[in-house]
Amino acid sequence: MLTGKQKRYLRSLAHHLDPVFQVGKGGINDHLIRHIEEAIEKRELMKVSVLNNNADDPKEIGAELAEQAGAELVQVIGKTIILYKESRDNKTIELPR
């Protein structure tokens, strides 16, 4: 579980990132989850955008993505979701305590 200080730090790092994946009208599926798990292992921090043709609430989508991918939900702002997961092999982000 991330502290408020850690979430603020991760939000500052994610500010300049571009979304890596998009969730469209098809919603969340196993294929998307698998790709997110692979990408977040390499990057640790990533953005996912929810397209306008998806009628679901972005906060619910973010919570479901984080749970299924084993990641932490850092923030949902508008239709952009920020996810973080500490990498086993490619650790580059050092979180504040």
PDB file of N, CA and C in Angstrom:
ATOM      1  N   MET A   1       0.847  -1.188   0.000  1.00  0.00           N
ATOM      2  CA  MET A   1       0.000   0.000   0.000  1.00  0.00           C
ATOM      3  C   MET A   1       0.890   1.247   0.000  1.00  0.00           C
ATOM      4  N   LEU A   2       0.578   2.156  -0.894  1.00  0.00           N
ATOM      5  CA  LEU A   2       1.373   3.370  -1.026  1.00  0.00           C
ATOM      6  C   LEU A   2       0.901   4.437  -0.042  1.00  0.00           C
ATOM      7  N   THR A   3       1.846   5.191   0.493  1.00  0.00           N
ATOM      8  CA  THR A   3       1.507   6.315   1.367  1.00  0.00           C
ATOM      9  C   THR A   3       1.185   7.532   0.493  1.00  0.00           C
ATOM     10  N   GLY A   4       0.641   8.568   1.104  1.00  0.00           N
ATOM     11  CA  GLY A   4       0.328   9.791   0.374  1.00  0.00           C
ATOM     12  C   GLY A   4       1.572  10.434  -0.222  1.00  0.00           C
ATOM     13  N   LYS A   5       2.654  10.401   0.535  1.00  0.00           N
ATOM     14  CA  LYS A   5       3.920  10.975   0.067  1.00  0.00           C
ATOM     15  C   LYS A   5       4.432  10.223  -1.166  1.00  0.00           C
ATOM     16  N   GLN A   6       4.326   8.884  -1.132  1.00  0.00           N
ATOM     17  CA  GLN A   6       4.769   8.073  -2.266  1.00  0.00           C
ATOM     18  C   GLN A   6       3.893   8.321  -3.492  1.00  0.00           C
ATOM     19  N   LYS A   7       2.588   8.458  -3.279  1.00  0.00           N
ATOM     20  CA  LYS A   7       1.688   8.730  -4.403  1.00  0.00           C
ATOM     21  C   LYS A   7       1.989  10.085  -5.035  1.00  0.00           C
ATOM     22  N   ARG A   8       2.256  11.093  -4.218  1.00  0.00           N
ATOM     23  CA  ARG A   8       2.615  12.409  -4.748  1.00  0.00           C
ATOM     24  C   ARG A   8       3.885  12.322  -5.592  1.00  0.00           C
ATOM     25  N   TYR A   9       4.875  11.581  -5.098  1.00  0.00           N
ATOM     26  CA  TYR A   9       6.140  11.422  -5.817  1.00  0.00           C
ATOM     27  C   TYR A   9       5.902  10.722  -7.164  1.00  0.00           C
ATOM     28  N   LEU A  10       5.093   9.649  -7.149  1.00  0.00           N
ATOM     29  CA  LEU A  10       4.815   8.914  -8.386  1.00  0.00           C
ATOM     30  C   LEU A  10       4.015   9.763  -9.375  1.00  0.00           C
ATOM     31  N   ARG A  11       3.088  10.577  -8.864  1.00  0.00           N
ATOM     32  CA  ARG A  11       2.325  11.463  -9.749  1.00  0.00           C
ATOM     33  C   ARG A  11       3.255  12.460 -10.436  1.00  0.00           C
ATOM     34  N   SER A  12       4.253  12.961  -9.696  1.00  0.00           N
ATOM     35  CA  SER A  12       5.193  13.909 -10.299  1.00  0.00           C
ATOM     36  C   SER A  12       6.029  13.234 -11.380  1.00  0.00           C
ATOM     37  N   LEU A  13       6.395  11.972 -11.176  1.00  0.00           N
ATOM     38  CA  LEU A  13       7.159  11.243 -12.191  1.00  0.00           C
ATOM     39  C   LEU A  13       6.299  10.931 -13.416  1.00  0.00           C
ATOM     40  N   ALA A  14       5.012  10.668 -13.194  1.00  0.00           N
ATOM     41  CA  ALA A  14       4.122  10.265 -14.282  1.00  0.00           C
ATOM     42  C   ALA A  14       3.609  11.445 -15.097  1.00  0.00           C
ATOM     43  N   HIS A  15       3.808  12.642 -14.594  1.00  0.00           N
ATOM     44  CA  HIS A  15       3.229  13.825 -15.246  1.00  0.00           C
ATOM     45  C   HIS A  15       3.575  13.911 -16.728  1.00  0.00           C
ATOM     46  N   HIS A  16       4.814  13.674 -17.092  1.00  0.00           N
ATOM     47  CA  HIS A  16       5.245  13.841 -18.482  1.00  0.00           C
ATOM     48  C   HIS A  16       5.111  12.571 -19.324  1.00  0.00           C
ATOM     49  N   LEU A  17       4.644  11.468 -18.732  1.00  0.00           N
ATOM     50  CA  LEU A  17       4.490  10.217 -19.479  1.00  0.00           C
ATOM     51  C   LEU A  17       3.276  10.266 -20.400  1.00  0.00           C
ATOM     52  N   ASP A  18       3.360   9.560 -21.506  1.00  0.00           N
ATOM     53  CA  ASP A  18       2.215   9.399 -22.403  1.00  0.00           C
ATOM     54  C   ASP A  18       1.531   8.069 -22.087  1.00  0.00           C
ATOM     55  N   PRO A  19       0.211   8.001 -22.294  1.00  0.00           N
ATOM     56  CA  PRO A  19      -0.487   6.728 -22.055  1.00  0.00           C
ATOM     57  C   PRO A  19       0.064   5.616 -22.950  1.00  0.00           C
ATOM     58  N   VAL A  20       0.250   4.438 -22.363  1.00  0.00           N
ATOM     59  CA  VAL A  20       0.800   3.304 -23.086  1.00  0.00           C
ATOM     60  C   VAL A  20      -0.322   2.461 -23.683  1.00  0.00           C
ATOM     61  N   PHE A  21      -1.431   2.318 -22.951  1.00  0.00           N
ATOM     62  CA  PHE A  21      -2.568   1.524 -23.401  1.00  0.00           C
ATOM     63  C   PHE A  21      -3.828   2.356 -23.361  1.00  0.00           C
ATOM     64  N   GLN A  22      -4.825   1.892 -24.134  1.00  0.00           N
ATOM     65  CA  GLN A  22      -6.133   2.536 -24.152  1.00  0.00           C
ATOM     66  C   GLN A  22      -7.196   1.484 -23.897  1.00  0.00           C
ATOM     67  N   VAL A  23      -8.187   1.841 -23.082  1.00  0.00           N
ATOM     68  CA  VAL A  23      -9.323   0.960 -22.833  1.00  0.00           C
ATOM     69  C   VAL A  23     -10.488   1.519 -23.635  1.00  0.00           C
ATOM     70  N   GLY A  24     -10.962   0.748 -24.616  1.00  0.00           N
ATOM     71  CA  GLY A  24     -12.038   1.201 -25.489  1.00  0.00           C
ATOM     72  C   GLY A  24     -13.378   0.610 -25.093  1.00  0.00           C
ATOM     73  N   LYS A  25     -14.287   0.550 -26.056  1.00  0.00           N
ATOM     74  CA  LYS A  25     -15.633   0.077 -25.761  1.00  0.00           C
ATOM     75  C   LYS A  25     -15.666  -1.401 -25.418  1.00  0.00           C
ATOM     76  N   GLY A  26     -14.627  -2.143 -25.781  1.00  0.00           N
ATOM     77  CA  GLY A  26     -14.555  -3.563 -25.428  1.00  0.00           C
ATOM     78  C   GLY A  26     -14.272  -3.780 -23.952  1.00  0.00           C
ATOM     79  N   GLY A  27     -13.791  -2.750 -23.262  1.00  0.00           N
ATOM     80  CA  GLY A  27     -13.514  -2.847 -21.835  1.00  0.00           C
ATOM     81  C   GLY A  27     -12.233  -3.616 -21.541  1.00  0.00           C
ATOM     82  N   ILE A  28     -12.190  -4.181 -20.344  1.00  0.00           N
ATOM     83  CA  ILE A  28     -11.000  -4.899 -19.877  1.00  0.00           C
ATOM     84  C   ILE A  28     -11.147  -6.377 -20.224  1.00  0.00           C
ATOM     85  N   ASN A  29     -10.088  -6.948 -20.802  1.00  0.00           N
ATOM     86  CA  ASN A  29     -10.089  -8.385 -21.081  1.00  0.00           C
ATOM     87  C   ASN A  29      -8.738  -8.973 -20.687  1.00  0.00           C
ATOM     88  N   ASP A  30      -8.631 -10.300 -20.746  1.00  0.00           N
ATOM     89  CA  ASP A  30      -7.399 -10.987 -20.325  1.00  0.00           C
ATOM     90  C   ASP A  30      -6.195 -10.559 -21.163  1.00  0.00           C
ATOM     91  N   HIS A  31      -6.434 -10.323 -22.434  1.00  0.00           N
ATOM     92  CA  HIS A  31      -5.366  -9.925 -23.343  1.00  0.00           C
ATOM     93  C   HIS A  31      -4.760  -8.586 -22.897  1.00  0.00           C
ATOM     94  N   LEU A  32      -5.604  -7.619 -22.579  1.00  0.00           N
ATOM     95  CA  LEU A  32      -5.144  -6.300 -22.121  1.00  0.00           C
ATOM     96  C   LEU A  32      -4.388  -6.418 -20.800  1.00  0.00           C
ATOM     97  N   ILE A  33      -4.929  -7.208 -19.870  1.00  0.00           N
ATOM     98  CA  ILE A  33      -4.284  -7.395 -18.563  1.00  0.00           C
ATOM     99  C   ILE A  33      -2.889  -7.985 -18.737  1.00  0.00           C
ATOM    100  N   ARG A  34      -2.757  -8.988 -19.595  1.00  0.00           N
ATOM    101  CA  ARG A  34      -1.454  -9.633 -19.811  1.00  0.00           C
ATOM    102  C   ARG A  34      -0.432  -8.629 -20.355  1.00  0.00           C
ATOM    103  N   HIS A  35      -0.865  -7.795 -21.311  1.00  0.00           N
ATOM    104  CA  HIS A  35       0.047  -6.793 -21.875  1.00  0.00           C
ATOM    105  C   HIS A  35       0.430  -5.735 -20.835  1.00  0.00           C
ATOM    106  N   ILE A  36      -0.519  -5.344 -20.000  1.00  0.00           N
ATOM    107  CA  ILE A  36      -0.219  -4.366 -18.954  1.00  0.00           C
ATOM    108  C   ILE A  36       0.773  -4.951 -17.951  1.00  0.00           C
ATOM    109  N   GLU A  37       0.583  -6.212 -17.572  1.00  0.00           N
ATOM    110  CA  GLU A  37       1.515  -6.863 -16.637  1.00  0.00           C
ATOM    111  C   GLU A  37       2.928  -6.888 -17.206  1.00  0.00           C
ATOM    112  N   GLU A  38       3.058  -7.224 -18.486  1.00  0.00           N
ATOM    113  CA  GLU A  38       4.384  -7.272 -19.118  1.00  0.00           C
ATOM    114  C   GLU A  38       5.021  -5.884 -19.193  1.00  0.00           C
ATOM    115  N   ALA A  39       4.226  -4.890 -19.576  1.00  0.00           N
ATOM    116  CA  ALA A  39       4.769  -3.537 -19.741  1.00  0.00           C
ATOM    117  C   ALA A  39       5.125  -2.906 -18.399  1.00  0.00           C
ATOM    118  N   ILE A  40       4.306  -3.140 -17.381  1.00  0.00           N
ATOM    119  CA  ILE A  40       4.563  -2.508 -16.084  1.00  0.00           C
ATOM    120  C   ILE A  40       5.773  -3.144 -15.392  1.00  0.00           C
ATOM    121  N   GLU A  41       6.091  -4.383 -15.737  1.00  0.00           N
ATOM    122  CA  GLU A  41       7.305  -5.021 -15.209  1.00  0.00           C
ATOM    123  C   GLU A  41       8.543  -4.305 -15.753  1.00  0.00           C
ATOM    124  N   LYS A  42       8.475  -3.842 -16.988  1.00  0.00           N
ATOM    125  CA  LYS A  42       9.597  -3.131 -17.597  1.00  0.00           C
ATOM    126  C   LYS A  42       9.673  -1.672 -17.140  1.00  0.00           C
ATOM    127  N   ARG A  43       8.508  -1.019 -17.012  1.00  0.00           N
ATOM    128  CA  ARG A  43       8.473   0.424 -16.777  1.00  0.00           C
ATOM    129  C   ARG A  43       8.278   0.835 -15.326  1.00  0.00           C
ATOM    130  N   GLU A  44       7.583   0.025 -14.543  1.00  0.00           N
ATOM    131  CA  GLU A  44       7.196   0.295 -13.155  1.00  0.00           C
ATOM    132  C   GLU A  44       6.060   1.309 -13.037  1.00  0.00           C
ATOM    133  N   LEU A  45       6.055   2.337 -13.849  1.00  0.00           N
ATOM    134  CA  LEU A  45       5.042   3.394 -13.760  1.00  0.00           C
ATOM    135  C   LEU A  45       4.479   3.621 -15.153  1.00  0.00           C
ATOM    136  N   MET A  46       3.148   3.617 -15.286  1.00  0.00           N
ATOM    137  CA  MET A  46       2.559   3.792 -16.606  1.00  0.00           C
ATOM    138  C   MET A  46       1.195   4.456 -16.534  1.00  0.00           C
ATOM    139  N   LYS A  47       0.835   5.053 -17.661  1.00  0.00           N
ATOM    140  CA  LYS A  47      -0.480   5.656 -17.804  1.00  0.00           C
ATOM    141  C   LYS A  47      -1.308   4.805 -18.753  1.00  0.00           C
ATOM    142  N   VAL A  48      -2.609   4.728 -18.451  1.00  0.00           N
ATOM    143  CA  VAL A  48      -3.580   4.064 -19.309  1.00  0.00           C
ATOM    144  C   VAL A  48      -4.714   5.053 -19.513  1.00  0.00           C
ATOM    145  N   SER A  49      -5.143   5.236 -20.756  1.00  0.00           N
ATOM    146  CA  SER A  49      -6.244   6.163 -21.003  1.00  0.00           C
ATOM    147  C   SER A  49      -7.522   5.393 -21.314  1.00  0.00           C
ATOM    148  N   VAL A  50      -8.644   5.974 -20.917  1.00  0.00           N
ATOM    149  CA  VAL A  50      -9.957   5.404 -21.190  1.00  0.00           C
ATOM    150  C   VAL A  50     -10.562   6.239 -22.314  1.00  0.00           C
ATOM    151  N   LEU A  51     -10.910   5.566 -23.400  1.00  0.00           N
ATOM    152  CA  LEU A  51     -11.451   6.282 -24.546  1.00  0.00           C
ATOM    153  C   LEU A  51     -12.877   6.759 -24.289  1.00  0.00           C
ATOM    154  N   ASN A  52     -13.310   7.749 -25.062  1.00  0.00           N
ATOM    155  CA  ASN A  52     -14.652   8.312 -24.898  1.00  0.00           C
ATOM    156  C   ASN A  52     -15.760   7.323 -25.224  1.00  0.00           C
ATOM    157  N   ASN A  53     -15.487   6.310 -26.049  1.00  0.00           N
ATOM    158  CA  ASN A  53     -16.541   5.360 -26.407  1.00  0.00           C
ATOM    159  C   ASN A  53     -16.761   4.296 -25.325  1.00  0.00           C
ATOM    160  N   ASN A  54     -16.025   4.365 -24.221  1.00  0.00           N
ATOM    161  CA  ASN A  54     -16.233   3.458 -23.093  1.00  0.00           C
ATOM    162  C   ASN A  54     -17.126   4.162 -22.076  1.00  0.00           C
ATOM    163  N   ALA A  55     -18.273   3.530 -21.758  1.00  0.00           N
ATOM    164  CA  ALA A  55     -19.263   4.161 -20.880  1.00  0.00           C
ATOM    165  C   ALA A  55     -18.984   3.914 -19.400  1.00  0.00           C
ATOM    166  N   ASP A  56     -18.022   3.046 -19.080  1.00  0.00           N
ATOM    167  CA  ASP A  56     -17.743   2.717 -17.681  1.00  0.00           C
ATOM    168  C   ASP A  56     -17.023   3.863 -16.972  1.00  0.00           C
ATOM    169  N   ASP A  57     -17.117   3.866 -15.636  1.00  0.00           N
ATOM    170  CA  ASP A  57     -16.456   4.879 -14.820  1.00  0.00           C
ATOM    171  C   ASP A  57     -14.945   4.624 -14.802  1.00  0.00           C
ATOM    172  N   PRO A  58     -14.117   5.612 -15.155  1.00  0.00           N
ATOM    173  CA  PRO A  58     -12.662   5.415 -15.159  1.00  0.00           C
ATOM    174  C   PRO A  58     -12.101   4.968 -13.802  1.00  0.00           C
ATOM    175  N   LYS A  59     -12.720   5.408 -12.689  1.00  0.00           N
ATOM    176  CA  LYS A  59     -12.239   4.988 -11.372  1.00  0.00           C
ATOM    177  C   LYS A  59     -12.449   3.494 -11.157  1.00  0.00           C
ATOM    178  N   GLU A  60     -13.573   2.974 -11.620  1.00  0.00           N
ATOM    179  CA  GLU A  60     -13.823   1.530 -11.517  1.00  0.00           C
ATOM    180  C   GLU A  60     -12.871   0.753 -12.414  1.00  0.00           C
ATOM    181  N   ILE A  61     -12.637   1.261 -13.611  1.00  0.00           N
ATOM    182  CA  ILE A  61     -11.701   0.614 -14.538  1.00  0.00           C
ATOM    183  C   ILE A  61     -10.306   0.600 -13.936  1.00  0.00           C
ATOM    184  N   GLY A  62      -9.877   1.725 -13.352  1.00  0.00           N
ATOM    185  CA  GLY A  62      -8.559   1.806 -12.730  1.00  0.00           C
ATOM    186  C   GLY A  62      -8.403   0.826 -11.590  1.00  0.00           C
ATOM    187  N   ALA A  63      -9.421   0.719 -10.741  1.00  0.00           N
ATOM    188  CA  ALA A  63      -9.364  -0.219  -9.617  1.00  0.00           C
ATOM    189  C   ALA A  63      -9.301  -1.650 -10.112  1.00  0.00           C
ATOM    190  N   GLU A  64     -10.067  -1.967 -11.151  1.00  0.00           N
ATOM    191  CA  GLU A  64     -10.067  -3.329 -11.689  1.00  0.00           C
ATOM    192  C   GLU A  64      -8.742  -3.667 -12.365  1.00  0.00           C
ATOM    193  N   LEU A  65      -8.195  -2.712 -13.130  1.00  0.00           N
ATOM    194  CA  LEU A  65      -6.892  -2.934 -13.772  1.00  0.00           C
ATOM    195  C   LEU A  65      -5.805  -3.175 -12.727  1.00  0.00           C
ATOM    196  N   ALA A  66      -5.787  -2.344 -11.691  1.00  0.00           N
ATOM    197  CA  ALA A  66      -4.771  -2.471 -10.650  1.00  0.00           C
ATOM    198  C   ALA A  66      -4.890  -3.829  -9.955  1.00  0.00           C
ATOM    199  N   GLU A  67      -6.109  -4.231  -9.642  1.00  0.00           N
ATOM    200  CA  GLU A  67      -6.307  -5.503  -8.946  1.00  0.00           C
ATOM    201  C   GLU A  67      -5.891  -6.689  -9.808  1.00  0.00           C
ATOM    202  N   GLN A  68      -6.324  -6.705 -11.065  1.00  0.00           N
ATOM    203  CA  GLN A  68      -6.029  -7.849 -11.932  1.00  0.00           C
ATOM    204  C   GLN A  68      -4.569  -7.906 -12.364  1.00  0.00           C
ATOM    205  N   ALA A  69      -3.917  -6.753 -12.476  1.00  0.00           N
ATOM    206  CA  ALA A  69      -2.511  -6.729 -12.896  1.00  0.00           C
ATOM    207  C   ALA A  69      -1.559  -6.804 -11.707  1.00  0.00           C
ATOM    208  N   GLY A  70      -2.098  -6.777 -10.487  1.00  0.00           N
ATOM    209  CA  GLY A  70      -1.250  -6.838  -9.299  1.00  0.00           C
ATOM    210  C   GLY A  70      -0.473  -5.551  -9.080  1.00  0.00           C
ATOM    211  N   ALA A  71      -1.032  -4.428  -9.501  1.00  0.00           N
ATOM    212  CA  ALA A  71      -0.355  -3.128  -9.397  1.00  0.00           C
ATOM    213  C   ALA A  71      -1.071  -2.246  -8.385  1.00  0.00           C
ATOM    214  N   GLU A  72      -0.468  -1.104  -8.106  1.00  0.00           N
ATOM    215  CA  GLU A  72      -1.067  -0.102  -7.218  1.00  0.00           C
ATOM    216  C   GLU A  72      -1.686   0.997  -8.079  1.00  0.00           C
ATOM    217  N   LEU A  73      -2.886   1.409  -7.725  1.00  0.00           N
ATOM    218  CA  LEU A  73      -3.534   2.525  -8.403  1.00  0.00           C
ATOM    219  C   LEU A  73      -3.031   3.813  -7.762  1.00  0.00           C
ATOM    220  N   VAL A  74      -2.291   4.605  -8.524  1.00  0.00           N
ATOM    221  CA  VAL A  74      -1.729   5.846  -8.006  1.00  0.00           C
ATOM    222  C   VAL A  74      -2.763   6.963  -8.086  1.00  0.00           C
ATOM    223  N   GLN A  75      -3.391   7.108  -9.262  1.00  0.00           N
ATOM    224  CA  GLN A  75      -4.333   8.204  -9.451  1.00  0.00           C
ATOM    225  C   GLN A  75      -5.204   7.940 -10.664  1.00  0.00           C
ATOM    226  N   VAL A  76      -6.447   8.417 -10.593  1.00  0.00           N
ATOM    227  CA  VAL A  76      -7.320   8.489 -11.755  1.00  0.00           C
ATOM    228  C   VAL A  76      -7.716   9.946 -11.890  1.00  0.00           C
ATOM    229  N   ILE A  77      -7.299  10.568 -12.970  1.00  0.00           N
ATOM    230  CA  ILE A  77      -7.643  11.970 -13.189  1.00  0.00           C
ATOM    231  C   ILE A  77      -8.274  12.072 -14.574  1.00  0.00           C
ATOM    232  N   GLY A  78      -9.539  12.451 -14.594  1.00  0.00           N
ATOM    233  CA  GLY A  78     -10.280  12.482 -15.852  1.00  0.00           C
ATOM    234  C   GLY A  78     -10.414  11.067 -16.387  1.00  0.00           C
ATOM    235  N   LYS A  79      -9.897  10.845 -17.577  1.00  0.00           N
ATOM    236  CA  LYS A  79      -9.940   9.506 -18.181  1.00  0.00           C
ATOM    237  C   LYS A  79      -8.539   8.894 -18.277  1.00  0.00           C
ATOM    238  N   THR A  80      -7.647   9.355 -17.407  1.00  0.00           N
ATOM    239  CA  THR A  80      -6.282   8.836 -17.377  1.00  0.00           C
ATOM    240  C   THR A  80      -6.025   8.129 -16.050  1.00  0.00           C
ATOM    241  N   ILE A  81      -5.488   6.916 -16.154  1.00  0.00           N
ATOM    242  CA  ILE A  81      -5.211   6.089 -14.982  1.00  0.00           C
ATOM    243  C   ILE A  81      -3.699   5.944 -14.863  1.00  0.00           C
ATOM    244  N   ILE A  82      -3.177   6.116 -13.644  1.00  0.00           N
ATOM    245  CA  ILE A  82      -1.743   5.938 -13.400  1.00  0.00           C
ATOM    246  C   ILE A  82      -1.570   4.710 -12.512  1.00  0.00           C
ATOM    247  N   LEU A  83      -0.766   3.757 -12.980  1.00  0.00           N
ATOM    248  CA  LEU A  83      -0.504   2.510 -12.257  1.00  0.00           C
ATOM    249  C   LEU A  83       0.979   2.402 -11.917  1.00  0.00           C
ATOM    250  N   TYR A  84       1.268   1.776 -10.776  1.00  0.00           N
ATOM    251  CA  TYR A  84       2.649   1.544 -10.351  1.00  0.00           C
ATOM    252  C   TYR A  84       2.779   0.124  -9.823  1.00  0.00           C
ATOM    253  N   LYS A  85       3.861  -0.523 -10.189  1.00  0.00           N
ATOM    254  CA  LYS A  85       4.204  -1.826  -9.624  1.00  0.00           C
ATOM    255  C   LYS A  85       5.717  -1.926  -9.589  1.00  0.00           C
ATOM    256  N   GLU A  86       6.244  -2.255  -8.421  1.00  0.00           N
ATOM    257  CA  GLU A  86       7.696  -2.382  -8.285  1.00  0.00           C
ATOM    258  C   GLU A  86       8.184  -3.554  -9.124  1.00  0.00           C
ATOM    259  N   SER A  87       9.185  -3.312  -9.934  1.00  0.00           N
ATOM    260  CA  SER A  87       9.732  -4.332 -10.820  1.00  0.00           C
ATOM    261  C   SER A  87      10.685  -5.251 -10.055  1.00  0.00           C
ATOM    262  N   ARG A  88      10.647  -6.527 -10.409  1.00  0.00           N
ATOM    263  CA  ARG A  88      11.574  -7.480  -9.778  1.00  0.00           C
ATOM    264  C   ARG A  88      12.970  -7.365 -10.397  1.00  0.00           C
ATOM    265  N   ASP A  89      13.027  -7.180 -11.721  1.00  0.00           N
ATOM    266  CA  ASP A  89      14.310  -7.204 -12.425  1.00  0.00           C
ATOM    267  C   ASP A  89      14.816  -5.829 -12.851  1.00  0.00           C
ATOM    268  N   ASN A  90      13.904  -4.889 -13.118  1.00  0.00           N
ATOM    269  CA  ASN A  90      14.283  -3.593 -13.686  1.00  0.00           C
ATOM    270  C   ASN A  90      13.944  -2.441 -12.744  1.00  0.00           C
ATOM    271  N   LYS A  91      14.304  -2.535 -11.475  1.00  0.00           N
ATOM    272  CA  LYS A  91      13.924  -1.521 -10.508  1.00  0.00           C
ATOM    273  C   LYS A  91      14.699  -0.227 -10.770  1.00  0.00           C
ATOM    274  N   THR A  92      13.955   0.846 -11.080  1.00  0.00           N
ATOM    275  CA  THR A  92      14.573   2.137 -11.323  1.00  0.00           C
ATOM    276  C   THR A  92      14.017   3.231 -10.411  1.00  0.00           C
ATOM    277  N   ILE A  93      12.802   3.072  -9.910  1.00  0.00           N
ATOM    278  CA  ILE A  93      12.168   4.094  -9.092  1.00  0.00           C
ATOM    279  C   ILE A  93      12.405   3.778  -7.612  1.00  0.00           C
ATOM    280  N   GLU A  94      12.970   4.745  -6.900  1.00  0.00           N
ATOM    281  CA  GLU A  94      13.208   4.609  -5.467  1.00  0.00           C
ATOM    282  C   GLU A  94      12.165   5.458  -4.750  1.00  0.00           C
ATOM    283  N   LEU A  95      11.220   4.814  -4.080  1.00  0.00           N
ATOM    284  CA  LEU A  95      10.133   5.530  -3.403  1.00  0.00           C
ATOM    285  C   LEU A  95      10.613   6.180  -2.103  1.00  0.00           C
ATOM    286  N   PRO A  96      10.098   7.381  -1.797  1.00  0.00           N
ATOM    287  CA  PRO A  96      10.408   7.992  -0.506  1.00  0.00           C
ATOM    288  C   PRO A  96       9.721   7.218   0.625  1.00  0.00           C
ATOM    289  N   ARG A  97      10.232   7.328   1.828  1.00  0.00           N
ATOM    290  CA  ARG A  97       9.629   6.592   2.952  1.00  0.00           C
ATOM    291  C   ARG A  97       8.580   7.389   3.640  1.00  0.00           C
TER     292      ARG A  97
END
